[in-house]
All heavy atoms as atom14 arrays in JSON, in Angstrom:
{
  "sequence": "TTLRIVSRPVGTWPLQTYNFSSGLRTAIAIVLLVLMMLIVQV",
  "atom14_mask": [
    [1, 1, 1, 1, 1, 1, 1, 0, 0, 0, 0, 0, 0, 0],
    [1, 1, 1, 1, 1, 1, 1, 0, 0, 0, 0, 0, 0, 0],
    [1, 1, 1, 1, 1, 1, 1, 1, 0, 0, 0, 0, 0, 0],
    [1, 1, 1, 1, 1, 1, 1, 1, 1, 1, 1, 0, 0, 0],
    [1, 1, 1, 1, 1, 1, 1, 1, 0, 0, 0, 0, 0, 0],
    [1, 1, 1, 1, 1, 1, 1, 0, 0, 0, 0, 0, 0, 0],
    [1, 1, 1, 1, 1, 1, 0, 0, 0, 0, 0, 0, 0, 0],
    [1, 1, 1, 1, 1, 1, 1, 1, 1, 1, 1, 0, 0, 0],
    [1, 1, 1, 1, 1, 1, 1, 0, 0, 0, 0, 0, 0, 0],
    [1, 1, 1, 1, 1, 1, 1, 0, 0, 0, 0, 0, 0, 0],
    [1, 1, 1, 1, 0, 0, 0, 0, 0, 0, 0, 0, 0, 0],
    [1, 1, 1, 1, 1, 1, 1, 0, 0, 0, 0, 0, 0, 0],
    [1, 1, 1, 1, 1, 1, 1, 1, 1, 1, 1, 1, 1, 1],
    [1, 1, 1, 1, 1, 1, 1, 0, 0, 0, 0, 0, 0, 0],
    [1, 1, 1, 1, 1, 1, 1, 1, 0, 0, 0, 0, 0, 0],
    [1, 1, 1, 1, 1, 1, 1, 1, 1, 0, 0, 0, 0, 0],
    [1, 1, 1, 1, 1, 1, 1, 0, 0, 0, 0, 0, 0, 0],
    [1, 1, 1, 1, 1, 1, 1, 1, 1, 1, 1, 1, 0, 0],
    [1, 1, 1, 1, 1, 1, 1, 1, 0, 0, 0, 0, 0, 0],
    [1, 1, 1, 1, 1, 1, 1, 1, 1, 1, 1, 0, 0, 0],
    [1, 1, 1, 1, 1, 1, 0, 0, 0, 0, 0, 0, 0, 0],
    [1, 1, 1, 1, 1, 1, 0, 0, 0, 0, 0, 0, 0, 0],
    [1, 1, 1, 1, 0, 0, 0, 0, 0, 0, 0, 0, 0, 0],
    [1, 1, 1, 1, 1, 1, 1, 1, 0, 0, 0, 0, 0, 0],
    [1, 1, 1, 1, 1, 1, 1, 1, 1, 1, 1, 0, 0, 0],
    [1, 1, 1, 1, 1, 1, 1, 0, 0, 0, 0, 0, 0, 0],
    [1, 1, 1, 1, 1, 0, 0, 0, 0, 0, 0, 0, 0, 0],
    [1, 1, 1, 1, 1, 1, 1, 1, 0, 0, 0, 0, 0, 0],
    [1, 1, 1, 1, 1, 0, 0, 0, 0, 0, 0, 0, 0, 0],
    [1, 1, 1, 1, 1, 1, 1, 1, 0, 0, 0, 0, 0, 0],
    [1, 1, 1, 1, 1, 1, 1, 0, 0, 0, 0, 0, 0, 0],
    [1, 1, 1, 1, 1, 1, 1, 1, 0, 0, 0, 0, 0, 0],
    [1, 1, 1, 1, 1, 1, 1, 1, 0, 0, 0, 0, 0, 0],
    [1, 1, 1, 1, 1, 1, 1, 0, 0, 0, 0, 0, 0, 0],
    [1, 1, 1, 1, 1, 1, 1, 1, 0, 0, 0, 0, 0, 0],
    [1, 1, 1, 1, 1, 1, 1, 1, 0, 0, 0, 0, 0, 0],
    [1, 1, 1, 1, 1, 1, 1, 1, 0, 0, 0, 0, 0, 0],
    [1, 1, 1, 1, 1, 1, 1, 1, 0, 0, 0, 0, 0, 0],
    [1, 1, 1, 1, 1, 1, 1, 1, 0, 0, 0, 0, 0, 0],
    [1, 1, 1, 1, 1, 1, 1, 0, 0, 0, 0, 0, 0, 0],
    [1, 1, 1, 1, 1, 1, 1, 1, 1, 0, 0, 0, 0, 0],
    [1, 1, 1, 1, 1, 1, 1, 0, 0, 0, 0, 0, 0, 0]
  ],
  "atom14_positions": [
    [[107.8, 98.85, 97.23], [107.2, 99.92, 96.45], [106.07, 99.38, 95.57], [104.98, 99.97, 95.48], [108.26, 100.58, 95.56], [109.25, 101.17, 96.4], [107.64, 101.65, 94.7], [0.0, 0.0, 0.0], [0.0, 0.0, 0.0], [0.0, 0.0, 0.0], [0.0, 0.0, 0.0], [0.0, 0.0, 0.0], [0.0, 0.0, 0.0], [0.0, 0.0, 0.0]],
    [[106.3, 98.24, 94.89], [105.27, 97.67, 94.02], [104.05, 97.28, 94.81], [102.89, 97.53, 94.38], [105.84, 96.47, 93.3], [107.0, 96.83, 92.55], [104.79, 95.89, 92.32], [0.0, 0.0, 0.0], [0.0, 0.0, 0.0], [0.0, 0.0, 0.0], [0.0, 0.0, 0.0], [0.0, 0.0, 0.0], [0.0, 0.0, 0.0], [0.0, 0.0, 0.0]],
    [[104.24, 96.72, 95.98], [103.11, 96.28, 96.83], [102.31, 97.5, 97.3], [101.08, 97.44, 97.36], [103.62, 95.48, 98.03], [104.49, 94.29, 97.7], [104.89, 93.56, 98.97], [103.82, 93.36, 96.73], [0.0, 0.0, 0.0], [0.0, 0.0, 0.0], [0.0, 0.0, 0.0], [0.0, 0.0, 0.0], [0.0, 0.0, 0.0], [0.0, 0.0, 0.0]],
    [[103.0, 98.58, 97.65], [102.29, 99.78, 98.07], [101.48, 100.42, 96.93], [100.37, 100.88, 97.15], [103.28, 100.81, 98.65], [102.66, 102.04, 99.21], [103.62, 102.93, 99.95], [104.63, 103.43, 99.05], [105.93, 103.08, 99.13], [106.35, 102.22, 100.02], [106.83, 103.6, 98.31], [0.0, 0.0, 0.0], [0.0, 0.0, 0.0], [0.0, 0.0, 0.0]],
    [[102.03, 100.37, 95.74], [101.34, 100.98, 94.6], [100.05, 100.26, 94.27], [99.04, 100.88, 94.01], [102.28, 100.98, 93.38], [103.43, 101.97, 93.58], [101.5, 101.35, 92.08], [104.49, 101.96, 92.5], [0.0, 0.0, 0.0], [0.0, 0.0, 0.0], [0.0, 0.0, 0.0], [0.0, 0.0, 0.0], [0.0, 0.0, 0.0], [0.0, 0.0, 0.0]],
    [[100.03, 98.9, 94.35], [98.84, 98.19, 93.97], [97.81, 98.11, 95.1], [96.65, 97.79, 94.85], [99.19, 96.74, 93.54], [100.08, 96.75, 92.31], [99.84, 95.94, 94.67], [0.0, 0.0, 0.0], [0.0, 0.0, 0.0], [0.0, 0.0, 0.0], [0.0, 0.0, 0.0], [0.0, 0.0, 0.0], [0.0, 0.0, 0.0], [0.0, 0.0, 0.0]],
    [[98.22, 98.37, 96.34], [97.27, 98.22, 97.46], [96.71, 99.52, 97.99], [95.63, 99.57, 98.53], [97.96, 97.46, 98.59], [99.09, 98.12, 99.06], [0.0, 0.0, 0.0], [0.0, 0.0, 0.0], [0.0, 0.0, 0.0], [0.0, 0.0, 0.0], [0.0, 0.0, 0.0], [0.0, 0.0, 0.0], [0.0, 0.0, 0.0], [0.0, 0.0, 0.0]],
    [[97.44, 100.61, 97.87], [96.94, 101.9, 98.41], [95.65, 102.38, 97.73], [94.81, 102.94, 98.38], [98.04, 102.98, 98.3], [99.12, 102.88, 99.36], [100.01, 104.07, 99.36], [99.3, 105.26, 99.79], [99.23, 105.63, 101.08], [99.8, 104.92, 102.02], [98.59, 106.72, 101.41], [0.0, 0.0, 0.0], [0.0, 0.0, 0.0], [0.0, 0.0, 0.0]],
    [[95.5, 102.23, 96.38], [94.26, 102.71, 95.8], [92.97, 102.13, 96.34], [91.94, 102.76, 96.32], [94.41, 102.35, 94.29], [95.89, 102.27, 94.09], [96.45, 101.75, 95.34], [0.0, 0.0, 0.0], [0.0, 0.0, 0.0], [0.0, 0.0, 0.0], [0.0, 0.0, 0.0], [0.0, 0.0, 0.0], [0.0, 0.0, 0.0], [0.0, 0.0, 0.0]],
    [[93.05, 100.89, 96.89], [91.84, 100.26, 97.44], [91.89, 100.24, 98.97], [91.07, 99.6, 99.61], [91.66, 98.83, 96.88], [91.32, 98.88, 95.42], [92.91, 97.98, 97.13], [0.0, 0.0, 0.0], [0.0, 0.0, 0.0], [0.0, 0.0, 0.0], [0.0, 0.0, 0.0], [0.0, 0.0, 0.0], [0.0, 0.0, 0.0], [0.0, 0.0, 0.0]],
    [[92.86, 100.92, 99.57], [92.93, 101.06, 101.01], [93.34, 99.84, 101.79], [92.95, 99.71, 102.95], [0.0, 0.0, 0.0], [0.0, 0.0, 0.0], [0.0, 0.0, 0.0], [0.0, 0.0, 0.0], [0.0, 0.0, 0.0], [0.0, 0.0, 0.0], [0.0, 0.0, 0.0], [0.0, 0.0, 0.0], [0.0, 0.0, 0.0], [0.0, 0.0, 0.0]],
    [[94.12, 98.93, 101.18], [94.52, 97.72, 101.87], [96.02, 97.66, 102.19], [96.49, 96.61, 102.63], [94.15, 96.48, 101.03], [94.78, 96.58, 99.75], [92.64, 96.36, 100.87], [0.0, 0.0, 0.0], [0.0, 0.0, 0.0], [0.0, 0.0, 0.0], [0.0, 0.0, 0.0], [0.0, 0.0, 0.0], [0.0, 0.0, 0.0], [0.0, 0.0, 0.0]],
    [[96.74, 98.74, 102.0], [98.16, 98.74, 102.35], [98.33, 98.57, 103.83], [97.86, 99.42, 104.6], [98.81, 100.03, 101.83], [100.22, 100.29, 102.26], [100.68, 101.36, 102.95], [101.38, 99.46, 101.97], [102.02, 101.26, 103.14], [102.48, 100.11, 102.55], [101.54, 98.26, 101.29], [103.78, 99.57, 102.45], [102.83, 97.72, 101.2], [103.91, 98.38, 101.79]],
    [[98.99, 97.54, 104.31], [99.03, 97.2, 105.75], [99.73, 98.22, 106.6], [99.49, 98.35, 107.8], [99.69, 95.85, 105.79], [99.54, 95.25, 104.44], [99.59, 96.41, 103.51], [0.0, 0.0, 0.0], [0.0, 0.0, 0.0], [0.0, 0.0, 0.0], [0.0, 0.0, 0.0], [0.0, 0.0, 0.0], [0.0, 0.0, 0.0], [0.0, 0.0, 0.0]],
    [[100.7, 98.99, 106.03], [101.48, 99.95, 106.79], [100.94, 101.34, 106.76], [101.62, 102.3, 107.11], [102.95, 99.93, 106.35], [103.68, 98.58, 106.48], [105.09, 98.69, 105.93], [103.72, 98.15, 107.94], [0.0, 0.0, 0.0], [0.0, 0.0, 0.0], [0.0, 0.0, 0.0], [0.0, 0.0, 0.0], [0.0, 0.0, 0.0], [0.0, 0.0, 0.0]],
    [[99.66, 101.51, 106.34], [99.08, 102.85, 106.29], [98.44, 103.17, 107.65], [98.33, 102.32, 108.54], [97.99, 102.82, 105.22], [96.81, 101.94, 105.57], [95.77, 101.88, 104.49], [95.75, 102.66, 103.58], [94.86, 100.88, 104.59], [0.0, 0.0, 0.0], [0.0, 0.0, 0.0], [0.0, 0.0, 0.0], [0.0, 0.0, 0.0], [0.0, 0.0, 0.0]],
    [[98.03, 104.4, 107.77], [97.23, 104.82, 108.93], [95.75, 104.52, 108.6], [95.24, 104.99, 107.62], [97.4, 106.32, 109.23], [98.78, 106.59, 109.42], [96.6, 106.72, 110.42], [0.0, 0.0, 0.0], [0.0, 0.0, 0.0], [0.0, 0.0, 0.0], [0.0, 0.0, 0.0], [0.0, 0.0, 0.0], [0.0, 0.0, 0.0], [0.0, 0.0, 0.0]],
    [[95.17, 103.71, 109.41], [93.75, 103.29, 109.16], [92.8, 104.41, 109.63], [92.27, 104.39, 110.72], [93.45, 101.97, 109.87], [94.04, 100.77, 109.17], [95.43, 100.49, 109.27], [93.27, 99.97, 108.35], [95.96, 99.41, 108.57], [93.78, 98.88, 107.66], [95.17, 98.62, 107.8], [95.7, 97.55, 107.13], [0.0, 0.0, 0.0], [0.0, 0.0, 0.0]],
    [[92.62, 105.37, 108.74], [91.79, 106.54, 109.04], [90.61, 106.61, 108.07], [90.37, 105.66, 107.3], [92.63, 107.8, 109.01], [93.44, 107.93, 107.71], [93.12, 107.28, 106.7], [94.45, 108.77, 107.71], [0.0, 0.0, 0.0], [0.0, 0.0, 0.0], [0.0, 0.0, 0.0], [0.0, 0.0, 0.0], [0.0, 0.0, 0.0], [0.0, 0.0, 0.0]],
    [[89.95, 107.76, 108.04], [88.81, 107.91, 107.19], [89.19, 107.88, 105.7], [88.43, 107.36, 104.88], [88.13, 109.26, 107.49], [86.99, 109.58, 106.61], [85.72, 108.98, 106.77], [87.12, 110.5, 105.57], [84.68, 109.27, 105.95], [86.07, 110.83, 104.7], [84.83, 110.21, 104.89], [0.0, 0.0, 0.0], [0.0, 0.0, 0.0], [0.0, 0.0, 0.0]],
    [[90.35, 108.46, 105.37], [90.79, 108.47, 103.95], [90.97, 107.07, 103.39], [90.48, 106.77, 102.29], [92.08, 109.31, 103.83], [92.53, 109.28, 102.52], [0.0, 0.0, 0.0], [0.0, 0.0, 0.0], [0.0, 0.0, 0.0], [0.0, 0.0, 0.0], [0.0, 0.0, 0.0], [0.0, 0.0, 0.0], [0.0, 0.0, 0.0], [0.0, 0.0, 0.0]],
    [[91.7, 106.23, 104.14], [91.89, 104.86, 103.63], [90.61, 104.06, 103.61], [90.36, 103.28, 102.7], [92.91, 104.14, 104.54], [92.45, 104.06, 105.86], [0.0, 0.0, 0.0], [0.0, 0.0, 0.0], [0.0, 0.0, 0.0], [0.0, 0.0, 0.0], [0.0, 0.0, 0.0], [0.0, 0.0, 0.0], [0.0, 0.0, 0.0], [0.0, 0.0, 0.0]],
    [[89.73, 104.3, 104.6], [88.42, 103.63, 104.55], [87.54, 104.08, 103.44], [86.79, 103.28, 102.84], [0.0, 0.0, 0.0], [0.0, 0.0, 0.0], [0.0, 0.0, 0.0], [0.0, 0.0, 0.0], [0.0, 0.0, 0.0], [0.0, 0.0, 0.0], [0.0, 0.0, 0.0], [0.0, 0.0, 0.0], [0.0, 0.0, 0.0], [0.0, 0.0, 0.0]],
    [[87.67, 105.38, 103.09], [86.88, 105.88, 101.94], [87.33, 105.25, 100.63], [86.49, 104.95, 99.78], [87.03, 107.41, 101.87], [86.24, 108.12, 100.75], [84.75, 107.89, 100.95], [86.56, 109.59, 100.74], [0.0, 0.0, 0.0], [0.0, 0.0, 0.0], [0.0, 0.0, 0.0], [0.0, 0.0, 0.0], [0.0, 0.0, 0.0], [0.0, 0.0, 0.0]],
    [[88.63, 105.07, 100.44], [89.13, 104.41, 99.22], [88.62, 103.0, 99.13], [88.2, 102.55, 98.05], [90.65, 104.42, 99.21], [91.28, 105.81, 99.09], [92.73, 105.73, 98.67], [93.53, 104.99, 99.65], [94.13, 105.5, 100.69], [94.06, 106.81, 100.91], [94.86, 104.79, 101.5], [0.0, 0.0, 0.0], [0.0, 0.0, 0.0], [0.0, 0.0, 0.0]],
    [[88.58, 102.28, 100.23], [88.05, 100.91, 100.21], [86.57, 100.92, 99.9], [86.09, 100.09, 99.08], [88.29, 100.23, 101.6], [89.69, 100.25, 101.88], [87.81, 98.82, 101.59], [0.0, 0.0, 0.0], [0.0, 0.0, 0.0], [0.0, 0.0, 0.0], [0.0, 0.0, 0.0], [0.0, 0.0, 0.0], [0.0, 0.0, 0.0], [0.0, 0.0, 0.0]],
    [[85.84, 101.84, 100.52], [84.38, 101.91, 100.28], [84.09, 102.21, 98.82], [83.18, 101.65, 98.2], [83.74, 102.94, 101.19], [0.0, 0.0, 0.0], [0.0, 0.0, 0.0], [0.0, 0.0, 0.0], [0.0, 0.0, 0.0], [0.0, 0.0, 0.0], [0.0, 0.0, 0.0], [0.0, 0.0, 0.0], [0.0, 0.0, 0.0], [0.0, 0.0, 0.0]],
    [[84.82, 103.16, 98.23], [84.62, 103.52, 96.84], [84.89, 102.3, 95.92], [84.13, 102.04, 94.98], [85.49, 104.72, 96.44], [85.02, 105.97, 97.17], [85.46, 104.95, 94.93], [85.9, 107.19, 96.93], [0.0, 0.0, 0.0], [0.0, 0.0, 0.0], [0.0, 0.0, 0.0], [0.0, 0.0, 0.0], [0.0, 0.0, 0.0], [0.0, 0.0, 0.0]],
    [[85.99, 101.61, 96.19], [86.32, 100.43, 95.36], [85.24, 99.38, 95.45], [84.82, 98.8, 94.44], [87.67, 99.87, 95.79], [0.0, 0.0, 0.0], [0.0, 0.0, 0.0], [0.0, 0.0, 0.0], [0.0, 0.0, 0.0], [0.0, 0.0, 0.0], [0.0, 0.0, 0.0], [0.0, 0.0, 0.0], [0.0, 0.0, 0.0], [0.0, 0.0, 0.0]],
    [[84.71, 99.13, 96.64], [83.65, 98.09, 96.81], [82.39, 98.54, 96.14], [81.67, 97.74, 95.5], [83.45, 97.8, 98.31], [84.69, 97.08, 98.89], [82.24, 96.97, 98.52], [84.6, 96.77, 100.35], [0.0, 0.0, 0.0], [0.0, 0.0, 0.0], [0.0, 0.0, 0.0], [0.0, 0.0, 0.0], [0.0, 0.0, 0.0], [0.0, 0.0, 0.0]],
    [[82.02, 99.82, 96.25], [80.79, 100.33, 95.6], [80.91, 100.18, 94.12], [79.96, 99.77, 93.43], [80.55, 101.79, 96.03], [79.5, 102.42, 95.13], [80.14, 101.86, 97.48], [0.0, 0.0, 0.0], [0.0, 0.0, 0.0], [0.0, 0.0, 0.0], [0.0, 0.0, 0.0], [0.0, 0.0, 0.0], [0.0, 0.0, 0.0], [0.0, 0.0, 0.0]],
    [[82.06, 100.53, 93.53], [82.24, 100.39, 92.1], [82.13, 98.93, 91.66], [81.52, 98.62, 90.61], [83.6, 100.95, 91.68], [83.76, 102.49, 91.78], [85.17, 102.89, 91.44], [82.76, 103.2, 90.85], [0.0, 0.0, 0.0], [0.0, 0.0, 0.0], [0.0, 0.0, 0.0], [0.0, 0.0, 0.0], [0.0, 0.0, 0.0], [0.0, 0.0, 0.0]],
    [[82.72, 98.02, 92.45], [82.64, 96.61, 92.11], [81.21, 96.09, 92.19], [80.73, 95.33, 91.31], [83.53, 95.83, 93.0], [85.05, 96.03, 92.85], [85.83, 95.38, 93.95], [85.52, 95.48, 91.48], [0.0, 0.0, 0.0], [0.0, 0.0, 0.0], [0.0, 0.0, 0.0], [0.0, 0.0, 0.0], [0.0, 0.0, 0.0], [0.0, 0.0, 0.0]],
    [[80.49, 96.47, 93.22], [79.1, 96.04, 93.35], [78.24, 96.64, 92.23], [77.35, 95.95, 91.7], [78.55, 96.48, 94.74], [77.04, 96.2, 94.85], [79.29, 95.71, 95.85], [0.0, 0.0, 0.0], [0.0, 0.0, 0.0], [0.0, 0.0, 0.0], [0.0, 0.0, 0.0], [0.0, 0.0, 0.0], [0.0, 0.0, 0.0], [0.0, 0.0, 0.0]],
    [[78.51, 97.87, 91.84], [77.79, 98.48, 90.75], [78.03, 97.72, 89.44], [77.07, 97.48, 88.67], [78.21, 99.96, 90.59], [77.61, 100.73, 89.41], [76.11, 100.83, 89.57], [78.24, 102.13, 89.29], [0.0, 0.0, 0.0], [0.0, 0.0, 0.0], [0.0, 0.0, 0.0], [0.0, 0.0, 0.0], [0.0, 0.0, 0.0], [0.0, 0.0, 0.0]],
    [[79.26, 97.35, 89.19], [79.55, 96.6, 88.01], [78.83, 95.22, 87.98], [78.25, 94.83, 86.98], [81.08, 96.37, 87.92], [81.51, 95.57, 86.69], [83.24, 95.03, 86.82], [83.1, 93.83, 88.14], [0.0, 0.0, 0.0], [0.0, 0.0, 0.0], [0.0, 0.0, 0.0], [0.0, 0.0, 0.0], [0.0, 0.0, 0.0], [0.0, 0.0, 0.0]],
    [[78.85, 94.55, 89.13], [78.14, 93.24, 89.19], [76.64, 93.4, 89.02], [75.97, 92.55, 88.41], [78.47, 92.56, 90.53], [79.94, 92.09, 90.66], [80.22, 91.11, 92.12], [80.04, 92.34, 93.41], [0.0, 0.0, 0.0], [0.0, 0.0, 0.0], [0.0, 0.0, 0.0], [0.0, 0.0, 0.0], [0.0, 0.0, 0.0], [0.0, 0.0, 0.0]],
    [[76.09, 94.49, 89.54], [74.67, 94.76, 89.4], [74.28, 94.99, 87.94], [73.27, 94.47, 87.43], [74.23, 95.95, 90.27], [72.74, 96.32, 90.24], [71.93, 95.19, 90.76], [72.52, 97.62, 91.06], [0.0, 0.0, 0.0], [0.0, 0.0, 0.0], [0.0, 0.0, 0.0], [0.0, 0.0, 0.0], [0.0, 0.0, 0.0], [0.0, 0.0, 0.0]],
    [[75.12, 95.74, 87.24], [74.89, 95.99, 85.78], [74.93, 94.68, 85.01], [74.08, 94.43, 84.17], [75.95, 96.99, 85.27], [75.72, 98.37, 85.87], [75.86, 97.09, 83.72], [76.79, 99.37, 85.51], [0.0, 0.0, 0.0], [0.0, 0.0, 0.0], [0.0, 0.0, 0.0], [0.0, 0.0, 0.0], [0.0, 0.0, 0.0], [0.0, 0.0, 0.0]],
    [[75.9, 93.83, 85.3], [76.02, 92.58, 84.61], [74.85, 91.67, 84.89], [74.31, 91.0, 83.96], [77.36, 91.9, 84.99], [77.41, 90.49, 84.42], [78.53, 92.73, 84.48], [0.0, 0.0, 0.0], [0.0, 0.0, 0.0], [0.0, 0.0, 0.0], [0.0, 0.0, 0.0], [0.0, 0.0, 0.0], [0.0, 0.0, 0.0], [0.0, 0.0, 0.0]],
    [[74.37, 91.65, 86.12], [73.22, 90.78, 86.45], [71.95, 91.26, 85.76], [71.18, 90.45, 85.24], [73.02, 90.75, 87.98], [74.07, 89.97, 88.69], [73.89, 89.98, 90.19], [73.3, 90.9, 90.73], [74.35, 88.94, 90.86], [0.0, 0.0, 0.0], [0.0, 0.0, 0.0], [0.0, 0.0, 0.0], [0.0, 0.0, 0.0], [0.0, 0.0, 0.0]],
    [[71.76, 92.56, 85.73], [70.62, 93.11, 84.98], [70.67, 92.8, 83.52], [69.67, 92.42, 82.92], [70.47, 94.63, 85.27], [69.4, 95.24, 84.38], [70.2, 94.92, 86.72], [0.0, 0.0, 0.0], [0.0, 0.0, 0.0], [0.0, 0.0, 0.0], [0.0, 0.0, 0.0], [0.0, 0.0, 0.0], [0.0, 0.0, 0.0], [0.0, 0.0, 0.0]]
  ]
}
């Protein structure tokens, strides 16, 4: 349960269905992280 809670928001839960929804969560997480790094660099 704990592992599923921490991994599903970023789409890395290994027992999920690898569909558009899980890929979208991963893409959103990566975009937010890249945005944060860009702000810090500027």
